[in-house]
Amino acid sequence: QSIGPRYCPSIETKIVTFADKDRH
């Protein structure tokens, strides 16, 4: 429930937030 870092996101956050990206 707590606040996470916006500028160092987890890999699962990346694939949700940047769903249009096919690679990181």
PDB file of all heavy atoms in Angstrom:
ATOM      1  N   GLN A   1       0.813  -1.214   0.000  1.00  0.00           N
ATOM      2  CA  GLN A   1       0.000   0.000   0.000  1.00  0.00           C
ATOM      3  C   GLN A   1       0.848   1.267   0.000  1.00  0.00           C
ATOM      4  O   GLN A   1       0.345   2.351  -0.261  1.00  0.00           O
ATOM      5  CB  GLN A   1      -0.894   0.021   1.250  1.00  0.00           C
ATOM      6  CG  GLN A   1      -1.893  -1.124   1.316  1.00  0.00           C
ATOM      7  CD  GLN A   1      -3.005  -0.993   0.285  1.00  0.00           C
ATOM      8  OE1 GLN A   1      -3.388   0.108  -0.081  1.00  0.00           O
ATOM      9  NE2 GLN A   1      -3.517  -2.122  -0.199  1.00  0.00           N
ATOM     10  N   SER A   2       2.148   1.151   0.286  1.00  0.00           N
ATOM     11  CA  SER A   2       2.986   2.338   0.497  1.00  0.00           C
ATOM     12  C   SER A   2       3.496   2.929  -0.808  1.00  0.00           C
ATOM     13  O   SER A   2       3.312   2.370  -1.887  1.00  0.00           O
ATOM     14  CB  SER A   2       4.159   1.987   1.405  1.00  0.00           C
ATOM     15  OG  SER A   2       4.832   0.847   0.936  1.00  0.00           O
ATOM     16  N   ILE A   3       4.189   4.067  -0.690  1.00  0.00           N
ATOM     17  CA  ILE A   3       4.613   4.866  -1.844  1.00  0.00           C
ATOM     18  C   ILE A   3       5.919   4.319  -2.408  1.00  0.00           C
ATOM     19  O   ILE A   3       6.886   4.127  -1.670  1.00  0.00           O
ATOM     20  CB  ILE A   3       4.834   6.333  -1.415  1.00  0.00           C
ATOM     21  CG1 ILE A   3       3.634   6.837  -0.607  1.00  0.00           C
ATOM     22  CG2 ILE A   3       5.105   7.218  -2.606  1.00  0.00           C
ATOM     23  CD1 ILE A   3       3.932   8.088   0.193  1.00  0.00           C
ATOM     24  N   GLY A   4       5.961   4.080  -3.722  1.00  0.00           N
ATOM     25  CA  GLY A   4       7.168   3.585  -4.361  1.00  0.00           C
ATOM     26  C   GLY A   4       7.874   4.656  -5.167  1.00  0.00           C
ATOM     27  O   GLY A   4       7.334   5.733  -5.409  1.00  0.00           O
ATOM     28  N   PRO A   5       9.106   4.386  -5.623  1.00  0.00           N
ATOM     29  CA  PRO A   5       9.884   5.369  -6.376  1.00  0.00           C
ATOM     30  C   PRO A   5       9.418   5.494  -7.827  1.00  0.00           C
ATOM     31  O   PRO A   5       9.361   4.502  -8.543  1.00  0.00           O
ATOM     32  CB  PRO A   5      11.316   4.820  -6.308  1.00  0.00           C
ATOM     33  CG  PRO A   5      11.132   3.343  -6.139  1.00  0.00           C
ATOM     34  CD  PRO A   5       9.857   3.140  -5.389  1.00  0.00           C
ATOM     35  N   ARG A   6       9.098   6.712  -8.248  1.00  0.00           N
ATOM     36  CA  ARG A   6       8.661   6.941  -9.625  1.00  0.00           C
ATOM     37  C   ARG A   6       9.818   6.774 -10.604  1.00  0.00           C
ATOM     38  O   ARG A   6       9.627   6.315 -11.725  1.00  0.00           O
ATOM     39  CB  ARG A   6       8.104   8.366  -9.741  1.00  0.00           C
ATOM     40  CG  ARG A   6       7.559   8.672 -11.124  1.00  0.00           C
ATOM     41  CD  ARG A   6       7.241  10.145 -11.305  1.00  0.00           C
ATOM     42  NE  ARG A   6       6.577  10.719 -10.145  1.00  0.00           N
ATOM     43  CZ  ARG A   6       6.223  11.997 -10.067  1.00  0.00           C
ATOM     44  NH1 ARG A   6       6.475  12.816 -11.074  1.00  0.00           N
ATOM     45  NH2 ARG A   6       5.642  12.464  -8.986  1.00  0.00           N
ATOM     46  N   TYR A   7      11.031   7.148 -10.174  1.00  0.00           N
ATOM     47  CA  TYR A   7      12.145   7.226 -11.122  1.00  0.00           C
ATOM     48  C   TYR A   7      13.003   5.966 -11.149  1.00  0.00           C
ATOM     49  O   TYR A   7      13.973   5.898 -11.872  1.00  0.00           O
ATOM     50  CB  TYR A   7      13.014   8.436 -10.781  1.00  0.00           C
ATOM     51  CG  TYR A   7      12.228   9.719 -10.824  1.00  0.00           C
ATOM     52  CD1 TYR A   7      11.864  10.386  -9.656  1.00  0.00           C
ATOM     53  CD2 TYR A   7      11.816  10.250 -12.041  1.00  0.00           C
ATOM     54  CE1 TYR A   7      11.123  11.566  -9.706  1.00  0.00           C
ATOM     55  CE2 TYR A   7      11.085  11.419 -12.101  1.00  0.00           C
ATOM     56  CZ  TYR A   7      10.738  12.070 -10.927  1.00  0.00           C
ATOM     57  OH  TYR A   7      10.006  13.234 -10.985  1.00  0.00           O
ATOM     58  N   CYS A   8      12.644   4.983 -10.351  1.00  0.00           N
ATOM     59  CA  CYS A   8      13.352   3.702 -10.402  1.00  0.00           C
ATOM     60  C   CYS A   8      12.310   2.596 -10.284  1.00  0.00           C
ATOM     61  O   CYS A   8      12.285   1.847  -9.313  1.00  0.00           O
ATOM     62  CB  CYS A   8      14.371   3.630  -9.267  1.00  0.00           C
ATOM     63  SG  CYS A   8      15.491   2.222  -9.397  1.00  0.00           S
ATOM     64  N   PRO A   9      11.404   2.490 -11.271  1.00  0.00           N
ATOM     65  CA  PRO A   9      10.266   1.572 -11.152  1.00  0.00           C
ATOM     66  C   PRO A   9      10.681   0.115 -11.304  1.00  0.00           C
ATOM     67  O   PRO A   9      11.702  -0.214 -11.910  1.00  0.00           O
ATOM     68  CB  PRO A   9       9.356   2.009 -12.303  1.00  0.00           C
ATOM     69  CG  PRO A   9      10.288   2.566 -13.323  1.00  0.00           C
ATOM     70  CD  PRO A   9      11.391   3.235 -12.540  1.00  0.00           C
ATOM     71  N   SER A  10       9.849  -0.755 -10.775  1.00  0.00           N
ATOM     72  CA  SER A  10      10.063  -2.190 -10.940  1.00  0.00           C
ATOM     73  C   SER A  10       9.779  -2.571 -12.391  1.00  0.00           C
ATOM     74  O   SER A  10       9.147  -1.827 -13.143  1.00  0.00           O
ATOM     75  CB  SER A  10       9.135  -2.965 -10.015  1.00  0.00           C
ATOM     76  OG  SER A  10       7.789  -2.751 -10.412  1.00  0.00           O
ATOM     77  N   ILE A  11      10.223  -3.751 -12.787  1.00  0.00           N
ATOM     78  CA  ILE A  11       9.998  -4.200 -14.164  1.00  0.00           C
ATOM     79  C   ILE A  11       8.504  -4.407 -14.414  1.00  0.00           C
ATOM     80  O   ILE A  11       8.010  -4.123 -15.509  1.00  0.00           O
ATOM     81  CB  ILE A  11      10.809  -5.489 -14.466  1.00  0.00           C
ATOM     82  CG1 ILE A  11      10.762  -5.824 -15.960  1.00  0.00           C
ATOM     83  CG2 ILE A  11      10.345  -6.641 -13.609  1.00  0.00           C
ATOM     84  CD1 ILE A  11      11.417  -4.793 -16.853  1.00  0.00           C
ATOM     85  N   GLU A  12       7.749  -4.839 -13.395  1.00  0.00           N
ATOM     86  CA  GLU A  12       6.312  -5.004 -13.604  1.00  0.00           C
ATOM     87  C   GLU A  12       5.621  -3.653 -13.774  1.00  0.00           C
ATOM     88  O   GLU A  12       4.668  -3.522 -14.543  1.00  0.00           O
ATOM     89  CB  GLU A  12       5.668  -5.829 -12.491  1.00  0.00           C
ATOM     90  CG  GLU A  12       5.962  -5.416 -11.081  1.00  0.00           C
ATOM     91  CD  GLU A  12       7.108  -6.199 -10.456  1.00  0.00           C
ATOM     92  OE1 GLU A  12       8.127  -6.412 -11.155  1.00  0.00           O
ATOM     93  OE2 GLU A  12       7.003  -6.559  -9.281  1.00  0.00           O
ATOM     94  N   THR A  13       6.105  -2.623 -13.089  1.00  0.00           N
ATOM     95  CA  THR A  13       5.548  -1.279 -13.278  1.00  0.00           C
ATOM     96  C   THR A  13       5.856  -0.760 -14.680  1.00  0.00           C
ATOM     97  O   THR A  13       5.024  -0.118 -15.325  1.00  0.00           O
ATOM     98  CB  THR A  13       6.119  -0.315 -12.224  1.00  0.00           C
ATOM     99  OG1 THR A  13       5.766  -0.793 -10.922  1.00  0.00           O
ATOM    100  CG2 THR A  13       5.566   1.095 -12.403  1.00  0.00           C
ATOM    101  N   LYS A  14       7.055  -1.059 -15.167  1.00  0.00           N
ATOM    102  CA  LYS A  14       7.438  -0.598 -16.510  1.00  0.00           C
ATOM    103  C   LYS A  14       6.524  -1.177 -17.585  1.00  0.00           C
ATOM    104  O   LYS A  14       6.101  -0.461 -18.497  1.00  0.00           O
ATOM    105  CB  LYS A  14       8.887  -0.996 -16.816  1.00  0.00           C
ATOM    106  CG  LYS A  14       9.948  -0.210 -16.066  1.00  0.00           C
ATOM    107  CD  LYS A  14      11.334  -0.709 -16.451  1.00  0.00           C
ATOM    108  CE  LYS A  14      12.419  -0.049 -15.639  1.00  0.00           C
ATOM    109  NZ  LYS A  14      13.767  -0.572 -15.974  1.00  0.00           N
ATOM    110  N   ILE A  15       6.218  -2.470 -17.486  1.00  0.00           N
ATOM    111  CA  ILE A  15       5.420  -3.064 -18.564  1.00  0.00           C
ATOM    112  C   ILE A  15       3.963  -2.612 -18.501  1.00  0.00           C
ATOM    113  O   ILE A  15       3.250  -2.685 -19.505  1.00  0.00           O
ATOM    114  CB  ILE A  15       5.504  -4.605 -18.570  1.00  0.00           C
ATOM    115  CG1 ILE A  15       4.881  -5.198 -17.301  1.00  0.00           C
ATOM    116  CG2 ILE A  15       6.945  -5.065 -18.732  1.00  0.00           C
ATOM    117  CD1 ILE A  15       4.637  -6.691 -17.406  1.00  0.00           C
ATOM    118  N   VAL A  16       3.517  -2.135 -17.336  1.00  0.00           N
ATOM    119  CA  VAL A  16       2.163  -1.596 -17.221  1.00  0.00           C
ATOM    120  C   VAL A  16       2.126  -0.136 -17.642  1.00  0.00           C
ATOM    121  O   VAL A  16       1.299   0.293 -18.448  1.00  0.00           O
ATOM    122  CB  VAL A  16       1.633  -1.752 -15.777  1.00  0.00           C
ATOM    123  CG1 VAL A  16       0.317  -0.998 -15.599  1.00  0.00           C
ATOM    124  CG2 VAL A  16       1.449  -3.226 -15.433  1.00  0.00           C
ATOM    125  N   THR A  17       3.056   0.650 -17.122  1.00  0.00           N
ATOM    126  CA  THR A  17       3.082   2.091 -17.414  1.00  0.00           C
ATOM    127  C   THR A  17       3.450   2.363 -18.861  1.00  0.00           C
ATOM    128  O   THR A  17       2.917   3.277 -19.494  1.00  0.00           O
ATOM    129  CB  THR A  17       4.086   2.795 -16.480  1.00  0.00           C
ATOM    130  OG1 THR A  17       3.751   2.473 -15.121  1.00  0.00           O
ATOM    131  CG2 THR A  17       4.048   4.303 -16.673  1.00  0.00           C
ATOM    132  N   PHE A  18       4.377   1.582 -19.383  1.00  0.00           N
ATOM    133  CA  PHE A  18       4.843   1.767 -20.766  1.00  0.00           C
ATOM    134  C   PHE A  18       4.439   0.543 -21.598  1.00  0.00           C
ATOM    135  O   PHE A  18       5.284  -0.156 -22.165  1.00  0.00           O
ATOM    136  CB  PHE A  18       6.357   1.974 -20.794  1.00  0.00           C
ATOM    137  CG  PHE A  18       6.839   3.067 -19.884  1.00  0.00           C
ATOM    138  CD1 PHE A  18       7.451   2.761 -18.672  1.00  0.00           C
ATOM    139  CD2 PHE A  18       6.672   4.399 -20.221  1.00  0.00           C
ATOM    140  CE1 PHE A  18       7.899   3.761 -17.828  1.00  0.00           C
ATOM    141  CE2 PHE A  18       7.111   5.413 -19.381  1.00  0.00           C
ATOM    142  CZ  PHE A  18       7.721   5.098 -18.178  1.00  0.00           C
ATOM    143  N   ALA A  19       3.139   0.315 -21.645  1.00  0.00           N
ATOM    144  CA  ALA A  19       2.624  -0.886 -22.318  1.00  0.00           C
ATOM    145  C   ALA A  19       2.945  -0.912 -23.807  1.00  0.00           C
ATOM    146  O   ALA A  19       2.949  -1.979 -24.434  1.00  0.00           O
ATOM    147  CB  ALA A  19       1.116  -0.979 -22.109  1.00  0.00           C
ATOM    148  N   ASP A  20       3.226   0.262 -24.403  1.00  0.00           N
ATOM    149  CA  ASP A  20       3.524   0.324 -25.829  1.00  0.00           C
ATOM    150  C   ASP A  20       4.977  -0.046 -26.139  1.00  0.00           C
ATOM    151  O   ASP A  20       5.334  -0.231 -27.308  1.00  0.00           O
ATOM    152  CB  ASP A  20       3.242   1.737 -26.357  1.00  0.00           C
ATOM    153  CG  ASP A  20       4.043   2.795 -25.618  1.00  0.00           C
ATOM    154  OD1 ASP A  20       4.194   2.678 -24.380  1.00  0.00           O
ATOM    155  OD2 ASP A  20       4.526   3.742 -26.271  1.00  0.00           O
ATOM    156  N   LYS A  21       5.820  -0.149 -25.114  1.00  0.00           N
ATOM    157  CA  LYS A  21       7.233  -0.478 -25.341  1.00  0.00           C
ATOM    158  C   LYS A  21       7.415  -1.989 -25.424  1.00  0.00           C
ATOM    159  O   LYS A  21       6.933  -2.734 -24.571  1.00  0.00           O
ATOM    160  CB  LYS A  21       8.095   0.068 -24.189  1.00  0.00           C
ATOM    161  CG  LYS A  21       7.988   1.572 -23.968  1.00  0.00           C
ATOM    162  CD  LYS A  21       8.674   2.342 -25.084  1.00  0.00           C
ATOM    163  CE  LYS A  21       8.668   3.844 -24.794  1.00  0.00           C
ATOM    164  NZ  LYS A  21       9.248   4.624 -25.904  1.00  0.00           N
ATOM    165  N   ASP A  22       8.119  -2.431 -26.454  1.00  0.00           N
ATOM    166  CA  ASP A  22       8.315  -3.874 -26.588  1.00  0.00           C
ATOM    167  C   ASP A  22       9.637  -4.339 -25.983  1.00  0.00           C
ATOM    168  O   ASP A  22       9.952  -5.542 -26.005  1.00  0.00           O
ATOM    169  CB  ASP A  22       8.234  -4.308 -28.050  1.00  0.00           C
ATOM    170  CG  ASP A  22       9.236  -3.586 -28.938  1.00  0.00           C
ATOM    171  OD1 ASP A  22      10.116  -2.867 -28.398  1.00  0.00           O
ATOM    172  OD2 ASP A  22       9.147  -3.744 -30.162  1.00  0.00           O
ATOM    173  N   ARG A  23      10.427  -3.391 -25.431  1.00  0.00           N
ATOM    174  CA  ARG A  23      11.649  -3.795 -24.743  1.00  0.00           C
ATOM    175  C   ARG A  23      12.100  -2.683 -23.794  1.00  0.00           C
ATOM    176  O   ARG A  23      11.752  -1.511 -23.975  1.00  0.00           O
ATOM    177  CB  ARG A  23      12.773  -4.116 -25.732  1.00  0.00           C
ATOM    178  CG  ARG A  23      13.305  -2.930 -26.524  1.00  0.00           C
ATOM    179  CD  ARG A  23      14.463  -3.357 -27.398  1.00  0.00           C
ATOM    180  NE  ARG A  23      15.178  -2.204 -27.945  1.00  0.00           N
ATOM    181  CZ  ARG A  23      16.347  -2.268 -28.576  1.00  0.00           C
ATOM    182  NH1 ARG A  23      16.922  -3.453 -28.740  1.00  0.00           N
ATOM    183  NH2 ARG A  23      16.942  -1.199 -29.045  1.00  0.00           N
ATOM    184  N   HIS A  24      12.854  -3.069 -22.768  1.00  0.00           N
ATOM    185  CA  HIS A  24      13.433  -2.126 -21.815  1.00  0.00           C
ATOM    186  C   HIS A  24      14.901  -2.493 -21.618  1.00  0.00           C
ATOM    187  O   HIS A  24      15.255  -3.685 -21.536  1.00  0.00           O
ATOM    188  CB  HIS A  24      12.708  -2.180 -20.474  1.00  0.00           C
ATOM    189  CG  HIS A  24      11.282  -1.714 -20.549  1.00  0.00           C
ATOM    190  ND1 HIS A  24      10.934  -0.389 -20.619  1.00  0.00           N
ATOM    191  CD2 HIS A  24      10.115  -2.421 -20.578  1.00  0.00           C
ATOM    192  CE1 HIS A  24       9.613  -0.282 -20.681  1.00  0.00           C
ATOM    193  NE2 HIS A  24       9.097  -1.492 -20.671  1.00  0.00           N
TER     194      HIS A  24
END
